[in-house]
Amino acid sequence: MKIEFSPAGMPVAPARPAAGDSLEAAFLGEMLKLVMPVMSDGAFGGGAGESHFASFLVEAHADALARRLDLGLTQRMGVQDA
């Protein structure tokens, strides 16, 4: 049994992202890799953990942006949502 909590007035997110959202998230992830700050080695650097988990941060940002933005990539490429 699966129970989903949704605060009043908040729509429940779909179980899986649409094909267009996945495509746009992948595109945004590649673009974000180029603009993310360079890891520092100083006293305030993240060390080994920063280097290992940086890709998760980029992926989370890309997914959030893909949910909020419509870049129109699917219309330009002719991708149909399944």
C-alpha atoms as a PDB file:
ATOM      1  CA  MET A   1       0.000   0.000   0.000  1.00  0.00           C
ATOM      2  CA  LYS A   2       1.392   3.378  -1.007  1.00  0.00           C
ATOM      3  CA  ILE A   3       0.331   6.490   0.884  1.00  0.00           C
ATOM      4  CA  GLU A   4       1.160   9.888  -0.575  1.00  0.00           C
ATOM      5  CA  PHE A   5       1.008  13.000   1.553  1.00  0.00           C
ATOM      6  CA  SER A   6      -0.016  16.187  -0.216  1.00  0.00           C
ATOM      7  CA  PRO A   7      -0.496  19.433   1.712  1.00  0.00           C
ATOM      8  CA  ALA A   8      -3.788  21.183   0.993  1.00  0.00           C
ATOM      9  CA  GLY A   9      -3.723  22.878  -2.377  1.00  0.00           C
ATOM     10  CA  MET A  10      -0.510  21.200  -3.542  1.00  0.00           C
ATOM     11  CA  PRO A  11      -0.756  18.884  -6.562  1.00  0.00           C
ATOM     12  CA  VAL A  12       0.759  15.430  -6.239  1.00  0.00           C
ATOM     13  CA  ALA A  13       3.803  14.996  -8.473  1.00  0.00           C
ATOM     14  CA  PRO A  14       3.546  12.344 -11.203  1.00  0.00           C
ATOM     15  CA  ALA A  15       5.155   8.980 -10.491  1.00  0.00           C
ATOM     16  CA  ARG A  16       7.650   9.280 -13.353  1.00  0.00           C
ATOM     17  CA  PRO A  17       8.767  12.279 -15.351  1.00  0.00           C
ATOM     18  CA  ALA A  18       7.548  12.766 -18.899  1.00  0.00           C
ATOM     19  CA  ALA A  19       9.958  12.000 -21.723  1.00  0.00           C
ATOM     20  CA  GLY A  20      10.320  15.716 -22.405  1.00  0.00           C
ATOM     21  CA  ASP A  21      11.261  16.451 -18.803  1.00  0.00           C
ATOM     22  CA  SER A  22      13.882  13.699 -18.846  1.00  0.00           C
ATOM     23  CA  LEU A  23      15.373  15.034 -22.065  1.00  0.00           C
ATOM     24  CA  GLU A  24      15.444  18.589 -20.763  1.00  0.00           C
ATOM     25  CA  ALA A  25      16.901  17.471 -17.417  1.00  0.00           C
ATOM     26  CA  ALA A  26      19.730  15.682 -19.229  1.00  0.00           C
ATOM     27  CA  PHE A  27      20.403  18.770 -21.360  1.00  0.00           C
ATOM     28  CA  LEU A  28      20.314  21.091 -18.349  1.00  0.00           C
ATOM     29  CA  GLY A  29      22.588  18.736 -16.412  1.00  0.00           C
ATOM     30  CA  GLU A  30      25.247  18.967 -19.102  1.00  0.00           C
ATOM     31  CA  MET A  31      24.947  22.765 -19.181  1.00  0.00           C
ATOM     32  CA  LEU A  32      25.143  23.013 -15.386  1.00  0.00           C
ATOM     33  CA  LYS A  33      28.349  20.950 -15.314  1.00  0.00           C
ATOM     34  CA  LEU A  34      30.003  23.761 -17.247  1.00  0.00           C
ATOM     35  CA  VAL A  35      28.874  26.593 -14.962  1.00  0.00           C
ATOM     36  CA  MET A  36      29.110  25.027 -11.503  1.00  0.00           C
ATOM     37  CA  PRO A  37      31.867  26.494  -9.308  1.00  0.00           C
ATOM     38  CA  VAL A  38      35.260  24.841  -9.315  1.00  0.00           C
ATOM     39  CA  MET A  39      36.004  22.762  -6.209  1.00  0.00           C
ATOM     40  CA  SER A  40      38.448  24.435  -3.859  1.00  0.00           C
ATOM     41  CA  ASP A  41      41.239  22.758  -1.904  1.00  0.00           C
ATOM     42  CA  GLY A  42      41.542  25.350   0.863  1.00  0.00           C
ATOM     43  CA  ALA A  43      40.251  25.342   4.402  1.00  0.00           C
ATOM     44  CA  PHE A  44      36.666  25.781   3.191  1.00  0.00           C
ATOM     45  CA  GLY A  45      36.846  23.154   0.460  1.00  0.00           C
ATOM     46  CA  GLY A  46      34.635  20.104   0.499  1.00  0.00           C
ATOM     47  CA  GLY A  47      37.443  17.604   0.135  1.00  0.00           C
ATOM     48  CA  ALA A  48      36.787  14.106  -1.147  1.00  0.00           C
ATOM     49  CA  GLY A  49      33.078  14.297  -0.361  1.00  0.00           C
ATOM     50  CA  GLU A  50      32.624  17.329  -2.569  1.00  0.00           C
ATOM     51  CA  SER A  51      34.240  15.628  -5.528  1.00  0.00           C
ATOM     52  CA  HIS A  52      32.192  12.457  -5.066  1.00  0.00           C
ATOM     53  CA  PHE A  53      28.801  14.075  -4.567  1.00  0.00           C
ATOM     54  CA  ALA A  54      29.058  17.052  -6.942  1.00  0.00           C
ATOM     55  CA  SER A  55      27.324  15.086  -9.708  1.00  0.00           C
ATOM     56  CA  PHE A  56      24.314  14.456  -7.436  1.00  0.00           C
ATOM     57  CA  LEU A  57      23.988  18.182  -6.797  1.00  0.00           C
ATOM     58  CA  VAL A  58      24.119  18.951 -10.523  1.00  0.00           C
ATOM     59  CA  GLU A  59      21.488  16.268 -11.202  1.00  0.00           C
ATOM     60  CA  ALA A  60      19.178  17.624  -8.488  1.00  0.00           C
ATOM     61  CA  HIS A  61      19.461  21.165  -9.853  1.00  0.00           C
ATOM     62  CA  ALA A  62      18.831  19.960 -13.413  1.00  0.00           C
ATOM     63  CA  ASP A  63      15.744  17.968 -12.374  1.00  0.00           C
ATOM     64  CA  ALA A  64      14.328  20.940 -10.474  1.00  0.00           C
ATOM     65  CA  LEU A  65      14.906  23.265 -13.424  1.00  0.00           C
ATOM     66  CA  ALA A  66      13.372  20.800 -15.882  1.00  0.00           C
ATOM     67  CA  ARG A  67      10.202  20.586 -13.774  1.00  0.00           C
ATOM     68  CA  ARG A  68       9.883  24.381 -13.644  1.00  0.00           C
ATOM     69  CA  LEU A  69      10.984  25.363 -17.160  1.00  0.00           C
ATOM     70  CA  ASP A  70       9.831  24.355 -20.607  1.00  0.00           C
ATOM     71  CA  LEU A  71      12.735  24.790 -22.995  1.00  0.00           C
ATOM     72  CA  GLY A  72      10.736  23.460 -25.934  1.00  0.00           C
ATOM     73  CA  LEU A  73      13.337  20.817 -26.825  1.00  0.00           C
ATOM     74  CA  THR A  74      10.724  18.103 -27.296  1.00  0.00           C
ATOM     75  CA  GLN A  75       8.762  20.153 -29.831  1.00  0.00           C
ATOM     76  CA  ARG A  76      11.909  21.014 -31.786  1.00  0.00           C
ATOM     77  CA  MET A  77      13.112  17.403 -31.863  1.00  0.00           C
ATOM     78  CA  GLY A  78       9.707  15.789 -32.357  1.00  0.00           C
ATOM     79  CA  VAL A  79       9.827  13.694 -29.175  1.00  0.00           C
ATOM     80  CA  GLN A  80       6.435  12.397 -28.035  1.00  0.00           C
ATOM     81  CA  ASP A  81       5.620  11.881 -24.343  1.00  0.00           C
ATOM     82  CA  ALA A  82       4.858   8.251 -23.605  1.00  0.00           C
END
